[in-house]
Amino acid sequence: MGTTVATGYGRGTVVSTGMNTELGRIANLSQQQTVDTSPLQKEMQNIAKKLTIGTMILCGILVVVTLIANFSLKEAFIFAVGIAAAMVPQGLPAQVSIALSLAAGRLAKNKALIKQLSSVETL
């Protein structure tokens, strides 16, 4: 595994398998690596959590209100789910990516060298 042969003949000897191979060693290193979340990622998770809680509360309120307004239970749930789906900001990841790329462009224009993306996110 990990070897590409286009044409021709060859002979090989298996000396180890699985996690004892070079690819296994790389996989083991990547599993041991712990990734610290950046301040931007923490804030995005915080916003997502608050948005989810708010959406769930609003959906509960909407189901009760629509049931009081003589909607059927099925119609009330469909209405609440439709509103919940509309509350999800689908363009937010794209907007964050655009903002980060513009910030990186401004830093590059000012001849700033930044090695870590979390530094750009923080700035």
N, C-alpha and C. Protein backbone atom coordinates (compact mmCIF):
# COMPACT_ATOMS: atom_id res chain seq x y z
N MET A 1 0.85 -1.18 0.00
CA MET A 1 0.00 0.00 0.00
C MET A 1 0.89 1.24 0.00
N GLY A 2 0.43 2.26 -0.65
CA GLY A 2 1.19 3.49 -0.70
C GLY A 2 2.19 3.50 -1.84
N THR A 3 2.20 2.47 -2.68
CA THR A 3 3.12 2.39 -3.80
C THR A 3 2.32 2.41 -5.09
N THR A 4 2.72 3.23 -6.02
CA THR A 4 2.03 3.31 -7.30
C THR A 4 2.93 2.74 -8.38
N VAL A 5 2.39 1.84 -9.17
CA VAL A 5 3.12 1.26 -10.29
C VAL A 5 2.30 1.51 -11.54
N ALA A 6 2.91 2.14 -12.54
CA ALA A 6 2.20 2.44 -13.78
C ALA A 6 2.30 1.28 -14.76
N THR A 7 3.50 0.83 -15.03
CA THR A 7 3.69 -0.30 -15.94
C THR A 7 4.93 -1.05 -15.51
N GLY A 8 5.10 -2.23 -16.07
CA GLY A 8 6.32 -2.99 -15.84
C GLY A 8 6.13 -4.10 -14.83
N TYR A 9 7.25 -4.67 -14.43
CA TYR A 9 7.25 -5.80 -13.51
C TYR A 9 8.09 -5.44 -12.30
N GLY A 10 7.81 -6.07 -11.21
CA GLY A 10 8.60 -5.81 -10.03
C GLY A 10 8.46 -6.92 -9.02
N ARG A 11 9.34 -6.91 -8.05
CA ARG A 11 9.32 -7.90 -6.99
C ARG A 11 9.54 -7.16 -5.68
N GLY A 12 8.77 -7.51 -4.67
CA GLY A 12 8.90 -6.81 -3.40
C GLY A 12 8.89 -7.79 -2.24
N THR A 13 9.39 -7.34 -1.14
CA THR A 13 9.40 -8.13 0.08
C THR A 13 8.68 -7.35 1.16
N VAL A 14 7.72 -7.98 1.78
CA VAL A 14 6.97 -7.34 2.86
C VAL A 14 7.77 -7.50 4.15
N VAL A 15 8.10 -6.37 4.76
CA VAL A 15 8.87 -6.42 6.01
C VAL A 15 8.02 -6.07 7.22
N SER A 16 6.89 -5.38 7.00
CA SER A 16 5.97 -5.09 8.11
C SER A 16 4.61 -4.73 7.52
N THR A 17 3.59 -4.79 8.37
CA THR A 17 2.23 -4.49 7.93
C THR A 17 1.55 -3.58 8.95
N GLY A 18 0.45 -2.99 8.50
CA GLY A 18 -0.40 -2.20 9.40
C GLY A 18 0.30 -0.98 9.95
N MET A 19 0.21 -0.80 11.26
CA MET A 19 0.76 0.38 11.91
C MET A 19 2.28 0.32 12.04
N ASN A 20 2.90 -0.79 11.66
CA ASN A 20 4.36 -0.91 11.72
C ASN A 20 5.03 -0.41 10.44
N THR A 21 4.25 -0.01 9.45
CA THR A 21 4.81 0.51 8.21
C THR A 21 5.05 2.01 8.34
N GLU A 22 5.65 2.60 7.33
CA GLU A 22 5.89 4.05 7.34
C GLU A 22 4.57 4.81 7.30
N LEU A 23 3.62 4.33 6.48
CA LEU A 23 2.30 4.97 6.46
C LEU A 23 1.60 4.82 7.81
N GLY A 24 1.76 3.70 8.46
CA GLY A 24 1.19 3.48 9.78
C GLY A 24 1.79 4.42 10.80
N ARG A 25 3.09 4.66 10.69
CA ARG A 25 3.75 5.59 11.60
C ARG A 25 3.21 7.00 11.42
N ILE A 26 3.00 7.40 10.17
CA ILE A 26 2.44 8.73 9.89
C ILE A 26 1.01 8.82 10.43
N ALA A 27 0.23 7.76 10.23
CA ALA A 27 -1.14 7.75 10.75
C ALA A 27 -1.14 7.84 12.27
N ASN A 28 -0.22 7.15 12.90
CA ASN A 28 -0.13 7.20 14.36
C ASN A 28 0.24 8.60 14.85
N LEU A 29 1.15 9.26 14.14
CA LEU A 29 1.52 10.63 14.50
C LEU A 29 0.35 11.59 14.34
N SER A 30 -0.43 11.40 13.28
CA SER A 30 -1.56 12.31 13.06
C SER A 30 -2.67 12.07 14.08
N GLN A 31 -2.79 10.87 14.62
CA GLN A 31 -3.80 10.59 15.64
C GLN A 31 -3.37 11.16 16.98
N GLN A 32 -2.08 11.21 17.24
CA GLN A 32 -1.60 11.73 18.51
C GLN A 32 -1.62 13.25 18.57
N GLN A 33 -1.65 13.89 17.42
CA GLN A 33 -1.60 15.34 17.34
C GLN A 33 -2.88 15.94 17.93
N THR A 34 -2.75 16.81 18.90
CA THR A 34 -3.90 17.51 19.45
C THR A 34 -3.94 18.90 18.84
N VAL A 35 -5.10 19.30 18.40
CA VAL A 35 -5.25 20.59 17.75
C VAL A 35 -5.98 21.52 18.71
N ASP A 36 -5.33 22.61 19.06
CA ASP A 36 -5.96 23.62 19.89
C ASP A 36 -6.87 24.48 19.01
N THR A 37 -8.04 24.77 19.51
CA THR A 37 -8.95 25.59 18.73
C THR A 37 -8.52 27.05 18.85
N SER A 38 -8.66 27.75 17.75
CA SER A 38 -8.29 29.17 17.73
C SER A 38 -9.40 29.99 18.38
N PRO A 39 -9.12 31.24 18.71
CA PRO A 39 -10.17 32.09 19.28
C PRO A 39 -11.38 32.23 18.36
N LEU A 40 -11.13 32.28 17.05
CA LEU A 40 -12.24 32.39 16.10
C LEU A 40 -13.10 31.12 16.12
N GLN A 41 -12.45 29.95 16.16
CA GLN A 41 -13.20 28.70 16.21
C GLN A 41 -14.00 28.60 17.50
N LYS A 42 -13.43 29.04 18.61
CA LYS A 42 -14.17 29.02 19.87
C LYS A 42 -15.39 29.93 19.80
N GLU A 43 -15.21 31.09 19.21
CA GLU A 43 -16.33 32.03 19.10
C GLU A 43 -17.40 31.50 18.15
N MET A 44 -16.99 30.86 17.05
CA MET A 44 -17.95 30.26 16.13
C MET A 44 -18.74 29.15 16.82
N GLN A 45 -18.08 28.34 17.64
CA GLN A 45 -18.77 27.30 18.38
C GLN A 45 -19.74 27.92 19.38
N ASN A 46 -19.34 29.00 20.03
CA ASN A 46 -20.20 29.69 20.98
C ASN A 46 -21.44 30.25 20.28
N ILE A 47 -21.24 30.87 19.13
CA ILE A 47 -22.37 31.42 18.37
C ILE A 47 -23.30 30.29 17.92
N ALA A 48 -22.73 29.19 17.44
CA ALA A 48 -23.54 28.07 16.99
C ALA A 48 -24.37 27.49 18.14
N LYS A 49 -23.77 27.39 19.31
CA LYS A 49 -24.49 26.86 20.47
C LYS A 49 -25.65 27.79 20.85
N LYS A 50 -25.38 29.10 20.90
CA LYS A 50 -26.44 30.04 21.25
C LYS A 50 -27.55 30.06 20.20
N LEU A 51 -27.17 29.98 18.93
CA LEU A 51 -28.15 29.97 17.85
C LEU A 51 -29.02 28.72 17.91
N THR A 52 -28.41 27.59 18.22
CA THR A 52 -29.16 26.34 18.33
C THR A 52 -30.15 26.39 19.49
N ILE A 53 -29.70 26.87 20.63
CA ILE A 53 -30.59 26.98 21.79
C ILE A 53 -31.74 27.94 21.49
N GLY A 54 -31.43 29.08 20.91
CA GLY A 54 -32.46 30.06 20.55
C GLY A 54 -33.46 29.50 19.56
N THR A 55 -32.96 28.76 18.57
CA THR A 55 -33.83 28.16 17.57
C THR A 55 -34.76 27.12 18.19
N MET A 56 -34.23 26.31 19.09
CA MET A 56 -35.06 25.29 19.74
C MET A 56 -36.14 25.94 20.60
N ILE A 57 -35.80 26.99 21.32
CA ILE A 57 -36.79 27.70 22.14
C ILE A 57 -37.87 28.31 21.24
N LEU A 58 -37.45 28.97 20.16
CA LEU A 58 -38.40 29.58 19.24
C LEU A 58 -39.31 28.53 18.61
N CYS A 59 -38.75 27.38 18.24
CA CYS A 59 -39.56 26.32 17.65
C CYS A 59 -40.61 25.82 18.63
N GLY A 60 -40.24 25.68 19.89
CA GLY A 60 -41.21 25.27 20.91
C GLY A 60 -42.32 26.28 21.05
N ILE A 61 -41.96 27.56 21.08
CA ILE A 61 -42.96 28.62 21.19
C ILE A 61 -43.88 28.63 19.96
N LEU A 62 -43.29 28.46 18.77
CA LEU A 62 -44.08 28.46 17.55
C LEU A 62 -45.05 27.29 17.49
N VAL A 63 -44.64 26.13 17.96
CA VAL A 63 -45.55 24.98 17.97
C VAL A 63 -46.74 25.28 18.88
N VAL A 64 -46.48 25.84 20.05
CA VAL A 64 -47.58 26.16 20.97
C VAL A 64 -48.51 27.21 20.36
N VAL A 65 -47.94 28.27 19.78
CA VAL A 65 -48.74 29.34 19.19
C VAL A 65 -49.58 28.82 18.02
N THR A 66 -48.99 28.00 17.17
CA THR A 66 -49.75 27.48 16.03
C THR A 66 -50.82 26.49 16.46
N LEU A 67 -50.59 25.76 17.52
CA LEU A 67 -51.62 24.86 18.04
C LEU A 67 -52.78 25.67 18.62
N ILE A 68 -52.46 26.79 19.28
CA ILE A 68 -53.51 27.67 19.80
C ILE A 68 -54.31 28.28 18.66
N ALA A 69 -53.64 28.53 17.53
CA ALA A 69 -54.30 29.12 16.36
C ALA A 69 -55.05 28.08 15.53
N ASN A 70 -55.31 26.91 16.10
CA ASN A 70 -56.11 25.84 15.48
C ASN A 70 -55.44 25.19 14.27
N PHE A 71 -54.12 25.16 14.23
CA PHE A 71 -53.41 24.37 13.23
C PHE A 71 -53.38 22.92 13.71
N SER A 72 -53.24 21.99 12.79
CA SER A 72 -53.07 20.60 13.22
C SER A 72 -51.64 20.42 13.75
N LEU A 73 -51.42 19.34 14.47
CA LEU A 73 -50.09 19.10 15.03
C LEU A 73 -49.04 18.97 13.93
N LYS A 74 -49.41 18.31 12.83
CA LYS A 74 -48.48 18.14 11.70
C LYS A 74 -48.13 19.50 11.09
N GLU A 75 -49.13 20.34 10.88
CA GLU A 75 -48.87 21.66 10.31
C GLU A 75 -48.02 22.52 11.24
N ALA A 76 -48.26 22.41 12.55
CA ALA A 76 -47.50 23.18 13.53
C ALA A 76 -46.03 22.79 13.49
N PHE A 77 -45.75 21.48 13.43
CA PHE A 77 -44.35 21.03 13.37
C PHE A 77 -43.69 21.42 12.06
N ILE A 78 -44.41 21.31 10.96
CA ILE A 78 -43.84 21.70 9.65
C ILE A 78 -43.50 23.19 9.66
N PHE A 79 -44.39 24.00 10.22
CA PHE A 79 -44.13 25.44 10.30
C PHE A 79 -42.90 25.73 11.16
N ALA A 80 -42.83 25.08 12.31
CA ALA A 80 -41.71 25.31 13.22
C ALA A 80 -40.39 24.85 12.61
N VAL A 81 -40.39 23.72 11.93
CA VAL A 81 -39.17 23.23 11.29
C VAL A 81 -38.76 24.14 10.13
N GLY A 82 -39.73 24.67 9.40
CA GLY A 82 -39.42 25.61 8.32
C GLY A 82 -38.76 26.87 8.84
N ILE A 83 -39.29 27.40 9.94
CA ILE A 83 -38.68 28.59 10.54
C ILE A 83 -37.28 28.27 11.07
N ALA A 84 -37.12 27.10 11.68
CA ALA A 84 -35.81 26.70 12.20
C ALA A 84 -34.78 26.58 11.07
N ALA A 85 -35.20 26.02 9.95
CA ALA A 85 -34.28 25.88 8.81
C ALA A 85 -33.90 27.25 8.25
N ALA A 86 -34.83 28.19 8.29
CA ALA A 86 -34.54 29.53 7.78
C ALA A 86 -33.59 30.30 8.69
N MET A 87 -33.51 29.90 9.96
CA MET A 87 -32.65 30.61 10.91
C MET A 87 -31.18 30.20 10.80
N VAL A 88 -30.88 29.14 10.11
CA VAL A 88 -29.50 28.67 9.98
C VAL A 88 -28.77 29.54 8.97
N PRO A 89 -27.70 30.23 9.39
CA PRO A 89 -26.97 31.11 8.47
C PRO A 89 -26.06 30.30 7.54
N GLN A 90 -26.54 30.00 6.35
CA GLN A 90 -25.79 29.15 5.43
C GLN A 90 -24.59 29.86 4.82
N GLY A 91 -24.62 31.16 4.76
CA GLY A 91 -23.52 31.90 4.17
C GLY A 91 -22.44 32.31 5.15
N LEU A 92 -22.63 31.98 6.43
CA LEU A 92 -21.67 32.42 7.45
C LEU A 92 -20.26 31.86 7.22
N PRO A 93 -20.06 30.57 6.93
CA PRO A 93 -18.69 30.09 6.69
C PRO A 93 -18.02 30.80 5.51
N ALA A 94 -18.78 31.09 4.47
CA ALA A 94 -18.20 31.79 3.32
C ALA A 94 -17.81 33.21 3.70
N GLN A 95 -18.65 33.87 4.48
CA GLN A 95 -18.33 35.23 4.90
C GLN A 95 -17.09 35.28 5.79
N VAL A 96 -16.95 34.30 6.67
CA VAL A 96 -15.77 34.23 7.53
C VAL A 96 -14.52 34.00 6.69
N SER A 97 -14.61 33.10 5.71
CA SER A 97 -13.46 32.83 4.84
C SER A 97 -13.06 34.06 4.04
N ILE A 98 -14.04 34.79 3.54
CA ILE A 98 -13.75 36.01 2.78
C ILE A 98 -13.09 37.05 3.68
N ALA A 99 -13.61 37.20 4.89
CA ALA A 99 -13.02 38.17 5.82
C ALA A 99 -11.58 37.81 6.16
N LEU A 100 -11.32 36.51 6.37
CA LEU A 100 -9.95 36.08 6.68
C LEU A 100 -9.01 36.31 5.50
N SER A 101 -9.49 36.03 4.29
CA SER A 101 -8.62 36.22 3.12
C SER A 101 -8.34 37.71 2.90
N LEU A 102 -9.33 38.56 3.12
CA LEU A 102 -9.09 40.00 2.98
C LEU A 102 -8.11 40.49 4.04
N ALA A 103 -8.23 39.97 5.26
CA ALA A 103 -7.30 40.36 6.32
C ALA A 103 -5.89 39.90 6.00
N ALA A 104 -5.76 38.67 5.50
CA ALA A 104 -4.44 38.17 5.12
C ALA A 104 -3.85 39.00 3.98
N GLY A 105 -4.70 39.43 3.05
CA GLY A 105 -4.24 40.29 1.95
C GLY A 105 -3.73 41.63 2.44
N ARG A 106 -4.47 42.20 3.40
CA ARG A 106 -4.02 43.48 3.97
C ARG A 106 -2.70 43.32 4.71
N LEU A 107 -2.54 42.22 5.44
CA LEU A 107 -1.28 41.99 6.15
C LEU A 107 -0.13 41.79 5.16
N ALA A 108 -0.40 41.07 4.07
CA ALA A 108 0.65 40.86 3.06
C ALA A 108 1.03 42.18 2.39
N LYS A 109 0.05 43.03 2.17
CA LYS A 109 0.32 44.33 1.55
C LYS A 109 1.23 45.18 2.44
N ASN A 110 1.09 45.02 3.74
CA ASN A 110 1.93 45.74 4.69
C ASN A 110 3.21 44.98 5.04
N LYS A 111 3.51 43.95 4.26
CA LYS A 111 4.72 43.15 4.40
C LYS A 111 4.83 42.47 5.76
N ALA A 112 3.70 42.01 6.26
CA ALA A 112 3.68 41.27 7.52
C ALA A 112 3.75 39.77 7.20
N LEU A 113 4.57 39.06 7.92
CA LEU A 113 4.71 37.63 7.74
C LEU A 113 4.12 36.93 8.96
N ILE A 114 3.10 36.13 8.73
CA ILE A 114 2.43 35.42 9.82
C ILE A 114 2.46 33.94 9.51
N LYS A 115 2.98 33.16 10.45
CA LYS A 115 3.15 31.73 10.22
C LYS A 115 1.93 30.92 10.62
N GLN A 116 1.14 31.41 11.55
CA GLN A 116 0.00 30.62 12.03
C GLN A 116 -1.31 31.32 11.67
N LEU A 117 -2.26 30.52 11.17
CA LEU A 117 -3.56 31.06 10.77
C LEU A 117 -4.31 31.62 11.97
N SER A 118 -4.11 31.04 13.15
CA SER A 118 -4.81 31.55 14.32
C SER A 118 -4.39 32.97 14.64
N SER A 119 -3.18 33.34 14.28
CA SER A 119 -2.74 34.73 14.47
C SER A 119 -3.53 35.68 13.58
N VAL A 120 -3.76 35.27 12.33
CA VAL A 120 -4.55 36.08 11.40
C VAL A 120 -5.98 36.19 11.93
N GLU A 121 -6.53 35.07 12.43
CA GLU A 121 -7.88 35.07 12.96
C GLU A 121 -7.99 36.03 14.14
N THR A 122 -6.98 36.03 15.00
CA THR A 122 -7.01 36.90 16.16
C THR A 122 -6.92 38.37 15.76
N LEU A 123 -6.05 38.66 14.78
CA LEU A 123 -5.92 40.04 14.31
C LEU A 123 -7.19 40.50 13.62
